[in-house]
Amino acid sequence: MINLKPQIKQALERNQELVSLLGGNRIYQLTAPNKTEFPRITYFELVNRDAGFADDQSISSHIMFQISIWSDEAKHLSLLGNQIDLSMKSLGFSRIFSTDFYEEDTQIFHRPMRYRKLEVL
């Protein structure tokens, strides 16, 4: 099994435009320590499964990640989304899903973005 979490975090943190739009390094795996900090990004692995075999050994993995934007202002969704897209595509990921939500109960704007990649071992 391949662990791409460190590469994802590094690619997002190296994107200076993204970090600037966030107002600092507000990129977290799974959950943010400060729930009132906006805007922020969380990421997590959705799928990591064997995808190809040779001689009874896995030779590739199908990997999917979700990157979520959380904001108290709708304007951040597109600006941050464009920068996330650049960072993920630089790692060879393809975007397969993106949509905007407004969560009435928390009054927070949320854009989940899903990416996939076939990683050869």
Protein backbone atom coordinates (compact mmCIF):
# COMPACT_ATOMS: atom_id res chain seq x y z
CA MET A 1 0.00 0.00 0.00
CA ILE A 2 1.26 3.44 -0.94
CA ASN A 3 1.01 6.37 1.49
CA LEU A 4 0.66 9.63 -0.46
CA LYS A 5 -0.52 11.74 2.48
CA PRO A 6 2.91 13.35 3.03
CA GLN A 7 3.19 14.27 -0.67
CA ILE A 8 -0.32 15.78 -0.68
CA LYS A 9 0.41 17.92 2.38
CA GLN A 10 3.77 19.01 1.00
CA ALA A 11 2.34 19.96 -2.41
CA LEU A 12 -0.43 22.02 -0.81
CA GLU A 13 1.94 23.73 1.63
CA ARG A 14 4.45 24.57 -1.12
CA ASN A 15 1.77 26.43 -3.07
CA GLN A 16 2.50 29.92 -1.73
CA GLU A 17 -0.59 31.43 -3.37
CA LEU A 18 -2.76 28.86 -1.61
CA VAL A 19 -1.13 29.45 1.79
CA SER A 20 -1.47 33.22 1.29
CA LEU A 21 -5.19 32.93 0.44
CA LEU A 22 -5.65 30.80 3.57
CA GLY A 23 -3.97 33.45 5.71
CA GLY A 24 -1.30 30.98 6.80
CA ASN A 25 -0.68 27.26 6.87
CA ARG A 26 -4.24 26.09 7.54
CA ILE A 27 -3.97 22.67 5.90
CA TYR A 28 -4.94 19.68 8.04
CA GLN A 29 -5.41 15.95 7.70
CA LEU A 30 -8.97 14.93 8.60
CA THR A 31 -9.82 17.73 11.03
CA ALA A 32 -8.61 21.18 12.06
CA PRO A 33 -7.57 21.85 15.66
CA ASN A 34 -9.41 25.19 15.65
CA LYS A 35 -12.95 24.87 14.27
CA THR A 36 -13.42 28.65 14.13
CA GLU A 37 -10.41 29.27 11.86
CA PHE A 38 -11.47 30.25 8.32
CA PRO A 39 -10.69 29.64 5.59
CA ARG A 40 -9.06 26.25 6.07
CA ILE A 41 -8.46 23.02 4.17
CA THR A 42 -8.78 19.43 5.29
CA TYR A 43 -7.77 16.35 3.32
CA PHE A 44 -8.16 12.61 3.68
CA GLU A 45 -7.71 9.42 1.73
CA LEU A 46 -10.91 7.93 0.32
CA VAL A 47 -9.56 4.87 -1.49
CA ASN A 48 -6.26 3.02 -1.57
CA ARG A 49 -6.63 -0.36 -3.23
CA ASP A 50 -4.62 -2.70 -5.39
CA ALA A 51 -5.34 -2.06 -9.05
CA GLY A 52 -3.05 -4.32 -11.05
CA PHE A 53 -1.20 -7.58 -10.53
CA ALA A 54 1.72 -9.46 -12.05
CA ASP A 55 2.98 -12.80 -10.77
CA ASP A 56 0.44 -12.61 -7.92
CA GLN A 57 1.91 -9.31 -6.70
CA SER A 58 0.27 -5.88 -6.72
CA ILE A 59 1.95 -3.59 -9.24
CA SER A 60 -0.31 -0.54 -8.96
CA SER A 61 -2.73 1.18 -6.61
CA HIS A 62 -5.91 3.13 -7.28
CA ILE A 63 -5.79 6.12 -4.91
CA MET A 64 -8.42 8.75 -4.22
CA PHE A 65 -8.29 11.79 -1.93
CA GLN A 66 -10.80 14.39 -0.87
CA ILE A 67 -9.65 17.94 -0.25
CA SER A 68 -12.27 20.10 1.49
CA ILE A 69 -12.39 23.88 1.65
CA TRP A 70 -14.16 25.35 4.70
CA SER A 71 -14.95 29.05 4.74
CA ASP A 72 -17.23 31.66 6.22
CA GLU A 73 -17.26 33.47 2.84
CA ALA A 74 -18.35 32.02 -0.52
CA LYS A 75 -15.65 33.94 -2.42
CA HIS A 76 -12.93 31.66 -1.03
CA LEU A 77 -14.30 28.51 -2.64
CA SER A 78 -13.26 29.26 -6.22
CA LEU A 79 -10.01 31.04 -5.36
CA LEU A 80 -8.79 28.23 -3.12
CA GLY A 81 -10.23 25.54 -5.39
CA ASN A 82 -8.16 26.74 -8.33
CA GLN A 83 -4.95 26.59 -6.28
CA ILE A 84 -5.76 23.15 -4.85
CA ASP A 85 -6.41 21.93 -8.39
CA LEU A 86 -2.97 23.14 -9.52
CA SER A 87 -1.27 21.43 -6.59
CA MET A 88 -3.06 18.11 -7.04
CA LYS A 89 -2.52 18.04 -10.79
CA SER A 90 1.20 18.66 -10.22
CA LEU A 91 1.21 15.27 -8.44
CA GLY A 92 -0.53 13.56 -11.35
CA PHE A 93 -4.04 13.47 -9.82
CA SER A 94 -7.20 14.06 -11.86
CA ARG A 95 -10.17 15.90 -10.38
CA ILE A 96 -13.30 13.74 -10.54
CA PHE A 97 -15.71 15.75 -8.40
CA SER A 98 -16.21 19.24 -7.03
CA THR A 99 -19.30 21.03 -5.77
CA ASP A 100 -20.25 23.91 -3.50
CA PHE A 101 -22.38 23.59 -0.38
CA TYR A 102 -23.69 26.00 2.19
CA GLU A 103 -24.28 24.22 5.45
CA GLU A 104 -27.26 25.93 7.08
CA ASP A 105 -26.70 24.49 10.55
CA THR A 106 -23.11 25.77 10.84
CA GLN A 107 -23.40 28.68 8.35
CA ILE A 108 -20.20 27.50 6.68
CA PHE A 109 -19.42 27.24 2.98
CA HIS A 110 -17.91 23.88 2.01
CA ARG A 111 -16.39 22.67 -1.24
CA PRO A 112 -15.34 19.03 -1.33
CA MET A 113 -12.99 18.20 -4.21
CA ARG A 114 -12.15 14.61 -5.08
CA TYR A 115 -9.08 13.43 -6.95
CA ARG A 116 -7.86 10.08 -8.21
CA LYS A 117 -4.63 8.62 -9.46
CA LEU A 118 -3.28 5.26 -10.56
CA GLU A 119 0.10 4.90 -8.86
CA VAL A 120 2.48 2.28 -10.23
CA LEU A 121 4.59 0.61 -7.56
